[in-house]
ModelCIF file with pLDDT and N, C-alpha, C, O atoms, coordinates in Angstrom:
data_MODEL
#
_entry.id   MODEL 
#
_entity.id                         1 
_entity.type                       polymer 
_entity.pdbx_number_of_molecules   1 
#
_entity_poly.entity_id                      1 
_entity_poly.type                           'polypeptide(L)' 
_entity_poly.nstd_linkage                   no 
_entity_poly.nstd_monomer                   no 
_entity_poly.pdbx_seq_one_letter_code       AEPVPVLVPDGGDTAQLRCRAQGVPGVQLHWEHQGHALSPDEARFQEH 
_entity_poly.pdbx_seq_one_letter_code_can   AEPVPVLVPDGGDTAQLRCRAQGVPGVQLHWEHQGHALSPDEARFQEH 
_entity_poly.pdbx_strand_id                 A 
#
loop_
_entity_poly_seq.entity_id 
_entity_poly_seq.num 
_entity_poly_seq.mon_id 
_entity_poly_seq.hetero 
1 1  ALA n 
1 2  GLU n 
1 3  PRO n 
1 4  VAL n 
1 5  PRO n 
1 6  VAL n 
1 7  LEU n 
1 8  VAL n 
1 9  PRO n 
1 10 ASP n 
1 11 GLY n 
1 12 GLY n 
1 13 ASP n 
1 14 THR n 
1 15 ALA n 
1 16 GLN n 
1 17 LEU n 
1 18 ARG n 
1 19 CYS n 
1 20 ARG n 
1 21 ALA n 
1 22 GLN n 
1 23 GLY n 
1 24 VAL n 
1 25 PRO n 
1 26 GLY n 
1 27 VAL n 
1 28 GLN n 
1 29 LEU n 
1 30 HIS n 
1 31 TRP n 
1 32 GLU n 
1 33 HIS n 
1 34 GLN n 
1 35 GLY n 
1 36 HIS n 
1 37 ALA n 
1 38 LEU n 
1 39 SER n 
1 40 PRO n 
1 41 ASP n 
1 42 GLU n 
1 43 ALA n 
1 44 ARG n 
1 45 PHE n 
1 46 GLN n 
1 47 GLU n 
1 48 HIS n 
#
_struct_asym.id          A 
_struct_asym.entity_id   1 
#
loop_
_ma_qa_metric.id 
_ma_qa_metric.mode 
_ma_qa_metric.name 
_ma_qa_metric.software_group_id 
_ma_qa_metric.type 
1 global pLDDT . pLDDT 
2 local  pLDDT . pLDDT 
#
_ma_qa_metric_global.metric_id      1 
_ma_qa_metric_global.metric_value   87.31 
_ma_qa_metric_global.model_id       1 
_ma_qa_metric_global.ordinal_id     1 
#
loop_
_ma_qa_metric_local.label_asym_id 
_ma_qa_metric_local.label_comp_id 
_ma_qa_metric_local.label_seq_id 
_ma_qa_metric_local.metric_id 
_ma_qa_metric_local.metric_value 
_ma_qa_metric_local.model_id 
_ma_qa_metric_local.ordinal_id 
A ALA 1  2 73.00 1 1  
A GLU 2  2 83.00 1 2  
A PRO 3  2 86.00 1 3  
A VAL 4  2 87.00 1 4  
A PRO 5  2 87.00 1 5  
A VAL 6  2 88.00 1 6  
A LEU 7  2 85.00 1 7  
A VAL 8  2 85.00 1 8  
A PRO 9  2 79.00 1 9  
A ASP 10 2 75.00 1 10 
A GLY 11 2 77.00 1 11 
A GLY 12 2 81.00 1 12 
A ASP 13 2 86.00 1 13 
A THR 14 2 89.00 1 14 
A ALA 15 2 90.00 1 15 
A GLN 16 2 92.00 1 16 
A LEU 17 2 93.00 1 17 
A ARG 18 2 95.00 1 18 
A CYS 19 2 94.00 1 19 
A ARG 20 2 95.00 1 20 
A ALA 21 2 95.00 1 21 
A GLN 22 2 93.00 1 22 
A GLY 23 2 90.00 1 23 
A VAL 24 2 87.00 1 24 
A PRO 25 2 88.00 1 25 
A GLY 26 2 88.00 1 26 
A VAL 27 2 92.00 1 27 
A GLN 28 2 93.00 1 28 
A LEU 29 2 95.00 1 29 
A HIS 30 2 94.00 1 30 
A TRP 31 2 95.00 1 31 
A GLU 32 2 93.00 1 32 
A HIS 33 2 87.00 1 33 
A GLN 34 2 80.00 1 34 
A GLY 35 2 82.00 1 35 
A HIS 36 2 87.00 1 36 
A ALA 37 2 91.00 1 37 
A LEU 38 2 87.00 1 38 
A SER 39 2 80.00 1 39 
A PRO 40 2 73.00 1 40 
A ASP 41 2 79.00 1 41 
A GLU 42 2 80.00 1 42 
A ALA 43 2 84.00 1 43 
A ARG 44 2 88.00 1 44 
A PHE 45 2 91.00 1 45 
A GLN 46 2 92.00 1 46 
A GLU 47 2 93.00 1 47 
A HIS 48 2 94.00 1 48 
#
loop_
_atom_site.group_PDB 
_atom_site.id 
_atom_site.type_symbol 
_atom_site.label_atom_id 
_atom_site.label_alt_id 
_atom_site.label_comp_id 
_atom_site.label_asym_id 
_atom_site.label_entity_id 
_atom_site.label_seq_id 
_atom_site.pdbx_PDB_ins_code 
_atom_site.Cartn_x 
_atom_site.Cartn_y 
_atom_site.Cartn_z 
_atom_site.occupancy 
_atom_site.B_iso_or_equiv 
_atom_site.pdbx_formal_charge 
_atom_site.auth_seq_id 
_atom_site.auth_comp_id 
_atom_site.auth_asym_id 
_atom_site.auth_atom_id 
_atom_site.pdbx_PDB_model_num 
ATOM 1   N N  . ALA A 1 1  ? 20.117 -2.813  9.856  1.00 73.00 ? 1  ALA A N  1 
ATOM 2   C CA . ALA A 1 1  ? 20.404 -2.106  8.608  1.00 73.00 ? 1  ALA A CA 1 
ATOM 3   C C  . ALA A 1 1  ? 20.658 -0.633  8.929  1.00 73.00 ? 1  ALA A C  1 
ATOM 4   O O  . ALA A 1 1  ? 20.188 -0.113  9.941  1.00 73.00 ? 1  ALA A O  1 
ATOM 5   N N  . GLU A 1 2  ? 21.399 0.018   8.058  1.00 83.00 ? 2  GLU A N  1 
ATOM 6   C CA . GLU A 1 2  ? 21.648 1.454   8.218  1.00 83.00 ? 2  GLU A CA 1 
ATOM 7   C C  . GLU A 1 2  ? 20.314 2.182   8.314  1.00 83.00 ? 2  GLU A C  1 
ATOM 8   O O  . GLU A 1 2  ? 19.386 1.860   7.572  1.00 83.00 ? 2  GLU A O  1 
ATOM 9   N N  . PRO A 1 3  ? 20.200 3.158   9.213  1.00 86.00 ? 3  PRO A N  1 
ATOM 10  C CA . PRO A 1 3  ? 18.954 3.922   9.235  1.00 86.00 ? 3  PRO A CA 1 
ATOM 11  C C  . PRO A 1 3  ? 18.796 4.713   7.932  1.00 86.00 ? 3  PRO A C  1 
ATOM 12  O O  . PRO A 1 3  ? 19.776 5.181   7.353  1.00 86.00 ? 3  PRO A O  1 
ATOM 13  N N  . VAL A 1 4  ? 17.560 4.851   7.489  1.00 87.00 ? 4  VAL A N  1 
ATOM 14  C CA . VAL A 1 4  ? 17.273 5.613   6.281  1.00 87.00 ? 4  VAL A CA 1 
ATOM 15  C C  . VAL A 1 4  ? 17.260 7.090   6.652  1.00 87.00 ? 4  VAL A C  1 
ATOM 16  O O  . VAL A 1 4  ? 16.489 7.488   7.525  1.00 87.00 ? 4  VAL A O  1 
ATOM 17  N N  . PRO A 1 5  ? 18.094 7.917   6.013  1.00 87.00 ? 5  PRO A N  1 
ATOM 18  C CA . PRO A 1 5  ? 18.084 9.330   6.373  1.00 87.00 ? 5  PRO A CA 1 
ATOM 19  C C  . PRO A 1 5  ? 16.872 10.045  5.783  1.00 87.00 ? 5  PRO A C  1 
ATOM 20  O O  . PRO A 1 5  ? 16.527 9.844   4.619  1.00 87.00 ? 5  PRO A O  1 
ATOM 21  N N  . VAL A 1 6  ? 16.234 10.881  6.596  1.00 88.00 ? 6  VAL A N  1 
ATOM 22  C CA . VAL A 1 6  ? 15.140 11.720  6.122  1.00 88.00 ? 6  VAL A CA 1 
ATOM 23  C C  . VAL A 1 6  ? 15.577 13.153  6.395  1.00 88.00 ? 6  VAL A C  1 
ATOM 24  O O  . VAL A 1 6  ? 15.764 13.541  7.548  1.00 88.00 ? 6  VAL A O  1 
ATOM 25  N N  . LEU A 1 7  ? 15.740 13.938  5.334  1.00 85.00 ? 7  LEU A N  1 
ATOM 26  C CA . LEU A 1 7  ? 16.317 15.268  5.501  1.00 85.00 ? 7  LEU A CA 1 
ATOM 27  C C  . LEU A 1 7  ? 15.251 16.341  5.715  1.00 85.00 ? 7  LEU A C  1 
ATOM 28  O O  . LEU A 1 7  ? 14.239 16.382  5.016  1.00 85.00 ? 7  LEU A O  1 
ATOM 29  N N  . VAL A 1 8  ? 15.499 17.195  6.684  1.00 85.00 ? 8  VAL A N  1 
ATOM 30  C CA . VAL A 1 8  ? 14.628 18.343  6.926  1.00 85.00 ? 8  VAL A CA 1 
ATOM 31  C C  . VAL A 1 8  ? 15.341 19.559  6.362  1.00 85.00 ? 8  VAL A C  1 
ATOM 32  O O  . VAL A 1 8  ? 16.462 19.859  6.773  1.00 85.00 ? 8  VAL A O  1 
ATOM 33  N N  . PRO A 1 9  ? 14.711 20.270  5.422  1.00 79.00 ? 9  PRO A N  1 
ATOM 34  C CA . PRO A 1 9  ? 15.394 21.445  4.861  1.00 79.00 ? 9  PRO A CA 1 
ATOM 35  C C  . PRO A 1 9  ? 15.666 22.475  5.952  1.00 79.00 ? 9  PRO A C  1 
ATOM 36  O O  . PRO A 1 9  ? 14.885 22.615  6.893  1.00 79.00 ? 9  PRO A O  1 
ATOM 37  N N  . ASP A 1 10 ? 16.773 23.192  5.819  1.00 75.00 ? 10 ASP A N  1 
ATOM 38  C CA . ASP A 1 10 ? 17.126 24.190  6.823  1.00 75.00 ? 10 ASP A CA 1 
ATOM 39  C C  . ASP A 1 10 ? 15.996 25.199  6.904  1.00 75.00 ? 10 ASP A C  1 
ATOM 40  O O  . ASP A 1 10 ? 15.544 25.709  5.879  1.00 75.00 ? 10 ASP A O  1 
ATOM 41  N N  . GLY A 1 11 ? 15.539 25.491  8.106  1.00 77.00 ? 11 GLY A N  1 
ATOM 42  C CA . GLY A 1 11 ? 14.427 26.419  8.269  1.00 77.00 ? 11 GLY A CA 1 
ATOM 43  C C  . GLY A 1 11 ? 13.073 25.715  8.270  1.00 77.00 ? 11 GLY A C  1 
ATOM 44  O O  . GLY A 1 11 ? 12.077 26.312  8.678  1.00 77.00 ? 11 GLY A O  1 
ATOM 45  N N  . GLY A 1 12 ? 13.013 24.465  7.825  1.00 81.00 ? 12 GLY A N  1 
ATOM 46  C CA . GLY A 1 12 ? 11.742 23.734  7.824  1.00 81.00 ? 12 GLY A CA 1 
ATOM 47  C C  . GLY A 1 12 ? 11.319 23.383  9.247  1.00 81.00 ? 12 GLY A C  1 
ATOM 48  O O  . GLY A 1 12 ? 12.164 23.066  10.084 1.00 81.00 ? 12 GLY A O  1 
ATOM 49  N N  . ASP A 1 13 ? 10.039 23.435  9.522  1.00 86.00 ? 13 ASP A N  1 
ATOM 50  C CA . ASP A 1 13 ? 9.591  23.165  10.884 1.00 86.00 ? 13 ASP A CA 1 
ATOM 51  C C  . ASP A 1 13 ? 8.798  21.866  11.024 1.00 86.00 ? 13 ASP A C  1 
ATOM 52  O O  . ASP A 1 13 ? 8.490  21.445  12.139 1.00 86.00 ? 13 ASP A O  1 
ATOM 53  N N  . THR A 1 14 ? 8.466  21.231  9.902  1.00 89.00 ? 14 THR A N  1 
ATOM 54  C CA . THR A 1 14 ? 7.826  19.919  10.010 1.00 89.00 ? 14 THR A CA 1 
ATOM 55  C C  . THR A 1 14 ? 8.568  18.940  9.112  1.00 89.00 ? 14 THR A C  1 
ATOM 56  O O  . THR A 1 14 ? 9.201  19.323  8.129  1.00 89.00 ? 14 THR A O  1 
ATOM 57  N N  . ALA A 1 15 ? 8.472  17.678  9.473  1.00 90.00 ? 15 ALA A N  1 
ATOM 58  C CA . ALA A 1 15 ? 9.118  16.634  8.681  1.00 90.00 ? 15 ALA A CA 1 
ATOM 59  C C  . ALA A 1 15 ? 8.121  15.508  8.506  1.00 90.00 ? 15 ALA A C  1 
ATOM 60  O O  . ALA A 1 15 ? 7.248  15.301  9.348  1.00 90.00 ? 15 ALA A O  1 
ATOM 61  N N  . GLN A 1 16 ? 8.255  14.780  7.407  1.00 92.00 ? 16 GLN A N  1 
ATOM 62  C CA . GLN A 1 16 ? 7.369  13.641  7.173  1.00 92.00 ? 16 GLN A CA 1 
ATOM 63  C C  . GLN A 1 16 ? 8.182  12.369  6.985  1.00 92.00 ? 16 GLN A C  1 
ATOM 64  O O  . GLN A 1 16 ? 9.097  12.302  6.165  1.00 92.00 ? 16 GLN A O  1 
ATOM 65  N N  . LEU A 1 17 ? 7.819  11.366  7.771  1.00 93.00 ? 17 LEU A N  1 
ATOM 66  C CA . LEU A 1 17 ? 8.486  10.070  7.688  1.00 93.00 ? 17 LEU A CA 1 
ATOM 67  C C  . LEU A 1 17 ? 7.498  9.081   7.095  1.00 93.00 ? 17 LEU A C  1 
ATOM 68  O O  . LEU A 1 17 ? 6.347  9.011   7.527  1.00 93.00 ? 17 LEU A O  1 
ATOM 69  N N  . ARG A 1 18 ? 7.941  8.320   6.108  1.00 95.00 ? 18 ARG A N  1 
ATOM 70  C CA . ARG A 1 18 ? 7.055  7.361   5.439  1.00 95.00 ? 18 ARG A CA 1 
ATOM 71  C C  . ARG A 1 18 ? 7.530  5.949   5.680  1.00 95.00 ? 18 ARG A C  1 
ATOM 72  O O  . ARG A 1 18 ? 8.730  5.677   5.738  1.00 95.00 ? 18 ARG A O  1 
ATOM 73  N N  . CYS A 1 19 ? 6.562  5.050   5.818  1.00 94.00 ? 19 CYS A N  1 
ATOM 74  C CA . CYS A 1 19 ? 6.895  3.660   6.029  1.00 94.00 ? 19 CYS A CA 1 
ATOM 75  C C  . CYS A 1 19 ? 5.820  2.815   5.362  1.00 94.00 ? 19 CYS A C  1 
ATOM 76  O O  . CYS A 1 19 ? 4.640  3.166   5.381  1.00 94.00 ? 19 CYS A O  1 
ATOM 77  N N  . ARG A 1 20 ? 6.240  1.688   4.765  1.00 95.00 ? 20 ARG A N  1 
ATOM 78  C CA . ARG A 1 20 ? 5.289  0.861   4.030  1.00 95.00 ? 20 ARG A CA 1 
ATOM 79  C C  . ARG A 1 20 ? 5.706  -0.589  4.223  1.00 95.00 ? 20 ARG A C  1 
ATOM 80  O O  . ARG A 1 20 ? 6.892  -0.910  4.149  1.00 95.00 ? 20 ARG A O  1 
ATOM 81  N N  . ALA A 1 21 ? 4.746  -1.459  4.470  1.00 95.00 ? 21 ALA A N  1 
ATOM 82  C CA . ALA A 1 21 ? 5.083  -2.871  4.648  1.00 95.00 ? 21 ALA A CA 1 
ATOM 83  C C  . ALA A 1 21 ? 3.936  -3.722  4.131  1.00 95.00 ? 21 ALA A C  1 
ATOM 84  O O  . ALA A 1 21 ? 2.788  -3.279  4.081  1.00 95.00 ? 21 ALA A O  1 
ATOM 85  N N  . GLN A 1 22 ? 4.264  -4.953  3.746  1.00 93.00 ? 22 GLN A N  1 
ATOM 86  C CA . GLN A 1 22 ? 3.202  -5.863  3.356  1.00 93.00 ? 22 GLN A CA 1 
ATOM 87  C C  . GLN A 1 22 ? 3.431  -7.200  4.035  1.00 93.00 ? 22 GLN A C  1 
ATOM 88  O O  . GLN A 1 22 ? 4.559  -7.564  4.366  1.00 93.00 ? 22 GLN A O  1 
ATOM 89  N N  . GLY A 1 23 ? 2.345  -7.917  4.233  1.00 90.00 ? 23 GLY A N  1 
ATOM 90  C CA . GLY A 1 23 ? 2.458  -9.230  4.846  1.00 90.00 ? 23 GLY A CA 1 
ATOM 91  C C  . GLY A 1 23 ? 1.129  -9.946  4.781  1.00 90.00 ? 23 GLY A C  1 
ATOM 92  O O  . GLY A 1 23 ? 0.075  -9.334  4.605  1.00 90.00 ? 23 GLY A O  1 
ATOM 93  N N  . VAL A 1 24 ? 1.202  -11.247 4.927  1.00 87.00 ? 24 VAL A N  1 
ATOM 94  C CA . VAL A 1 24 ? -0.008 -12.065 5.042  1.00 87.00 ? 24 VAL A CA 1 
ATOM 95  C C  . VAL A 1 24 ? 0.155  -12.862 6.324  1.00 87.00 ? 24 VAL A C  1 
ATOM 96  O O  . VAL A 1 24 ? 1.131  -13.601 6.453  1.00 87.00 ? 24 VAL A O  1 
ATOM 97  N N  . PRO A 1 25 ? -0.761 -12.742 7.279  1.00 88.00 ? 25 PRO A N  1 
ATOM 98  C CA . PRO A 1 25 ? -1.894 -11.797 7.313  1.00 88.00 ? 25 PRO A CA 1 
ATOM 99  C C  . PRO A 1 25 ? -1.422 -10.338 7.333  1.00 88.00 ? 25 PRO A C  1 
ATOM 100 O O  . PRO A 1 25 ? -0.238 -10.043 7.488  1.00 88.00 ? 25 PRO A O  1 
ATOM 101 N N  . GLY A 1 26 ? -2.418 -9.428  7.168  1.00 88.00 ? 26 GLY A N  1 
ATOM 102 C CA . GLY A 1 26 ? -2.134 -7.988  7.055  1.00 88.00 ? 26 GLY A CA 1 
ATOM 103 C C  . GLY A 1 26 ? -1.288 -7.458  8.206  1.00 88.00 ? 26 GLY A C  1 
ATOM 104 O O  . GLY A 1 26 ? -1.259 -8.019  9.302  1.00 88.00 ? 26 GLY A O  1 
ATOM 105 N N  . VAL A 1 27 ? -0.604 -6.359  7.914  1.00 92.00 ? 27 VAL A N  1 
ATOM 106 C CA . VAL A 1 27 ? 0.383  -5.788  8.825  1.00 92.00 ? 27 VAL A CA 1 
ATOM 107 C C  . VAL A 1 27 ? -0.181 -4.544  9.507  1.00 92.00 ? 27 VAL A C  1 
ATOM 108 O O  . VAL A 1 27 ? -0.846 -3.723  8.876  1.00 92.00 ? 27 VAL A O  1 
ATOM 109 N N  . GLN A 1 28 ? 0.095  -4.419  10.797 1.00 93.00 ? 28 GLN A N  1 
ATOM 110 C CA . GLN A 1 28 ? -0.171 -3.175  11.536 1.00 93.00 ? 28 GLN A CA 1 
ATOM 111 C C  . GLN A 1 28 ? 1.151  -2.431  11.679 1.00 93.00 ? 28 GLN A C  1 
ATOM 112 O O  . GLN A 1 28 ? 2.186  -3.048  11.931 1.00 93.00 ? 28 GLN A O  1 
ATOM 113 N N  . LEU A 1 29 ? 1.125  -1.129  11.522 1.00 95.00 ? 29 LEU A N  1 
ATOM 114 C CA . LEU A 1 29 ? 2.343  -0.336  11.695 1.00 95.00 ? 29 LEU A CA 1 
ATOM 115 C C  . LEU A 1 29 ? 2.211  0.559   12.915 1.00 95.00 ? 29 LEU A C  1 
ATOM 116 O O  . LEU A 1 29 ? 1.134  1.089   13.188 1.00 95.00 ? 29 LEU A O  1 
ATOM 117 N N  . HIS A 1 30 ? 3.299  0.728   13.645 1.00 94.00 ? 30 HIS A N  1 
ATOM 118 C CA . HIS A 1 30 ? 3.345  1.820   14.625 1.00 94.00 ? 30 HIS A CA 1 
ATOM 119 C C  . HIS A 1 30 ? 4.770  2.354   14.699 1.00 94.00 ? 30 HIS A C  1 
ATOM 120 O O  . HIS A 1 30 ? 5.712  1.741   14.195 1.00 94.00 ? 30 HIS A O  1 
ATOM 121 N N  . TRP A 1 31 ? 4.903  3.509   15.340 1.00 95.00 ? 31 TRP A N  1 
ATOM 122 C CA . TRP A 1 31 ? 6.186  4.206   15.386 1.00 95.00 ? 31 TRP A CA 1 
ATOM 123 C C  . TRP A 1 31 ? 6.729  4.250   16.806 1.00 95.00 ? 31 TRP A C  1 
ATOM 124 O O  . TRP A 1 31 ? 5.978  4.336   17.778 1.00 95.00 ? 31 TRP A O  1 
ATOM 125 N N  . GLU A 1 32 ? 8.044  4.191   16.900 1.00 93.00 ? 32 GLU A N  1 
ATOM 126 C CA . GLU A 1 32 ? 8.719  4.363   18.187 1.00 93.00 ? 32 GLU A CA 1 
ATOM 127 C C  . GLU A 1 32 ? 9.743  5.488   18.057 1.00 93.00 ? 32 GLU A C  1 
ATOM 128 O O  . GLU A 1 32 ? 10.313 5.719   16.990 1.00 93.00 ? 32 GLU A O  1 
ATOM 129 N N  . HIS A 1 33 ? 9.957  6.176   19.173 1.00 87.00 ? 33 HIS A N  1 
ATOM 130 C CA . HIS A 1 33 ? 10.944 7.266   19.216 1.00 87.00 ? 33 HIS A CA 1 
ATOM 131 C C  . HIS A 1 33 ? 11.601 7.201   20.580 1.00 87.00 ? 33 HIS A C  1 
ATOM 132 O O  . HIS A 1 33 ? 10.912 7.140   21.598 1.00 87.00 ? 33 HIS A O  1 
ATOM 133 N N  . GLN A 1 34 ? 12.937 7.214   20.612 1.00 80.00 ? 34 GLN A N  1 
ATOM 134 C CA . GLN A 1 34 ? 13.688 7.125   21.867 1.00 80.00 ? 34 GLN A CA 1 
ATOM 135 C C  . GLN A 1 34 ? 13.255 5.906   22.679 1.00 80.00 ? 34 GLN A C  1 
ATOM 136 O O  . GLN A 1 34 ? 13.120 5.975   23.901 1.00 80.00 ? 34 GLN A O  1 
ATOM 137 N N  . GLY A 1 35 ? 13.039 4.796   21.985 1.00 82.00 ? 35 GLY A N  1 
ATOM 138 C CA . GLY A 1 35 ? 12.751 3.541   22.667 1.00 82.00 ? 35 GLY A CA 1 
ATOM 139 C C  . GLY A 1 35 ? 11.318 3.341   23.118 1.00 82.00 ? 35 GLY A C  1 
ATOM 140 O O  . GLY A 1 35 ? 11.001 2.310   23.710 1.00 82.00 ? 35 GLY A O  1 
ATOM 141 N N  . HIS A 1 36 ? 10.442 4.304   22.853 1.00 87.00 ? 36 HIS A N  1 
ATOM 142 C CA . HIS A 1 36 ? 9.053  4.174   23.301 1.00 87.00 ? 36 HIS A CA 1 
ATOM 143 C C  . HIS A 1 36 ? 8.094  4.331   22.138 1.00 87.00 ? 36 HIS A C  1 
ATOM 144 O O  . HIS A 1 36 ? 8.362  5.077   21.195 1.00 87.00 ? 36 HIS A O  1 
ATOM 145 N N  . ALA A 1 37 ? 6.982  3.632   22.206 1.00 91.00 ? 37 ALA A N  1 
ATOM 146 C CA . ALA A 1 37 ? 5.939  3.832   21.193 1.00 91.00 ? 37 ALA A CA 1 
ATOM 147 C C  . ALA A 1 37 ? 5.445  5.273   21.305 1.00 91.00 ? 37 ALA A C  1 
ATOM 148 O O  . ALA A 1 37 ? 5.324  5.804   22.408 1.00 91.00 ? 37 ALA A O  1 
ATOM 149 N N  . LEU A 1 38 ? 5.163  5.898   20.178 1.00 87.00 ? 38 LEU A N  1 
ATOM 150 C CA . LEU A 1 38 ? 4.650  7.268   20.201 1.00 87.00 ? 38 LEU A CA 1 
ATOM 151 C C  . LEU A 1 38 ? 3.266  7.262   20.813 1.00 87.00 ? 38 LEU A C  1 
ATOM 152 O O  . LEU A 1 38 ? 2.424  6.431   20.473 1.00 87.00 ? 38 LEU A O  1 
ATOM 153 N N  . SER A 1 39 ? 3.042  8.192   21.713 1.00 80.00 ? 39 SER A N  1 
ATOM 154 C CA . SER A 1 39 ? 1.718  8.213   22.328 1.00 80.00 ? 39 SER A CA 1 
ATOM 155 C C  . SER A 1 39 ? 0.780  9.034   21.452 1.00 80.00 ? 39 SER A C  1 
ATOM 156 O O  . SER A 1 39 ? 1.149  10.112  20.985 1.00 80.00 ? 39 SER A O  1 
ATOM 157 N N  . PRO A 1 40 ? -0.441 8.526   21.225 1.00 73.00 ? 40 PRO A N  1 
ATOM 158 C CA . PRO A 1 40 ? -1.375 9.162   20.295 1.00 73.00 ? 40 PRO A CA 1 
ATOM 159 C C  . PRO A 1 40 ? -1.756 10.580  20.710 1.00 73.00 ? 40 PRO A C  1 
ATOM 160 O O  . PRO A 1 40 ? -2.145 11.386  19.865 1.00 73.00 ? 40 PRO A O  1 
ATOM 161 N N  . ASP A 1 41 ? -1.648 10.892  21.999 1.00 79.00 ? 41 ASP A N  1 
ATOM 162 C CA . ASP A 1 41 ? -2.067 12.227  22.440 1.00 79.00 ? 41 ASP A CA 1 
ATOM 163 C C  . ASP A 1 41 ? -0.918 13.229  22.399 1.00 79.00 ? 41 ASP A C  1 
ATOM 164 O O  . ASP A 1 41 ? -1.070 14.364  22.851 1.00 79.00 ? 41 ASP A O  1 
ATOM 165 N N  . GLU A 1 42 ? 0.223  12.822  21.864 1.00 80.00 ? 42 GLU A N  1 
ATOM 166 C CA . GLU A 1 42 ? 1.314  13.781  21.763 1.00 80.00 ? 42 GLU A CA 1 
ATOM 167 C C  . GLU A 1 42 ? 1.134  14.612  20.507 1.00 80.00 ? 42 GLU A C  1 
ATOM 168 O O  . GLU A 1 42 ? 1.240  14.112  19.387 1.00 80.00 ? 42 GLU A O  1 
ATOM 169 N N  . ALA A 1 43 ? 0.862  15.887  20.717 1.00 84.00 ? 43 ALA A N  1 
ATOM 170 C CA . ALA A 1 43 ? 0.402  16.752  19.624 1.00 84.00 ? 43 ALA A CA 1 
ATOM 171 C C  . ALA A 1 43 ? 1.424  16.917  18.499 1.00 84.00 ? 43 ALA A C  1 
ATOM 172 O O  . ALA A 1 43 ? 1.048  17.148  17.349 1.00 84.00 ? 43 ALA A O  1 
ATOM 173 N N  . ARG A 1 44 ? 2.712  16.800  18.824 1.00 88.00 ? 44 ARG A N  1 
ATOM 174 C CA . ARG A 1 44 ? 3.690  17.083  17.766 1.00 88.00 ? 44 ARG A CA 1 
ATOM 175 C C  . ARG A 1 44 ? 3.859  15.936  16.767 1.00 88.00 ? 44 ARG A C  1 
ATOM 176 O O  . ARG A 1 44 ? 4.488  16.111  15.724 1.00 88.00 ? 44 ARG A O  1 
ATOM 177 N N  . PHE A 1 45 ? 3.304  14.771  17.080 1.00 91.00 ? 45 PHE A N  1 
ATOM 178 C CA . PHE A 1 45 ? 3.364  13.647  16.141 1.00 91.00 ? 45 PHE A CA 1 
ATOM 179 C C  . PHE A 1 45 ? 1.970  13.326  15.634 1.00 91.00 ? 45 PHE A C  1 
ATOM 180 O O  . PHE A 1 45 ? 1.046  13.122  16.422 1.00 91.00 ? 45 PHE A O  1 
ATOM 181 N N  . GLN A 1 46 ? 1.820  13.281  14.322 1.00 92.00 ? 46 GLN A N  1 
ATOM 182 C CA . GLN A 1 46 ? 0.526  12.890  13.759 1.00 92.00 ? 46 GLN A CA 1 
ATOM 183 C C  . GLN A 1 46 ? 0.726  11.774  12.757 1.00 92.00 ? 46 GLN A C  1 
ATOM 184 O O  . GLN A 1 46 ? 1.520  11.888  11.823 1.00 92.00 ? 46 GLN A O  1 
ATOM 185 N N  . GLU A 1 47 ? -0.007 10.693  12.965 1.00 93.00 ? 47 GLU A N  1 
ATOM 186 C CA . GLU A 1 47 ? 0.161  9.558   12.080 1.00 93.00 ? 47 GLU A CA 1 
ATOM 187 C C  . GLU A 1 47 ? -1.083 9.327   11.240 1.00 93.00 ? 47 GLU A C  1 
ATOM 188 O O  . GLU A 1 47 ? -2.209 9.428   11.728 1.00 93.00 ? 47 GLU A O  1 
ATOM 189 N N  . HIS A 1 48 ? -0.863 9.017   9.982  1.00 94.00 ? 48 HIS A N  1 
ATOM 190 C CA . HIS A 1 48 ? -1.958 8.678   9.077  1.00 94.00 ? 48 HIS A CA 1 
ATOM 191 C C  . HIS A 1 48 ? -1.609 7.313   8.481  1.00 94.00 ? 48 HIS A C  1 
ATOM 192 O O  . HIS A 1 48 ? -2.370 6.779   7.673  1.00 94.00 ? 48 HIS A O  1 
#
């Protein structure tokens, strides 16, 4: 599917990406960037 665009305002220094899924059994979510899972110790990415 077409990627969903998330716009960063000009001059903005942080961006927020949202994702939501449902399933039975329950779903775990994680993020990938440039083909790799985001590493939890990478300070510039924070996931909640």
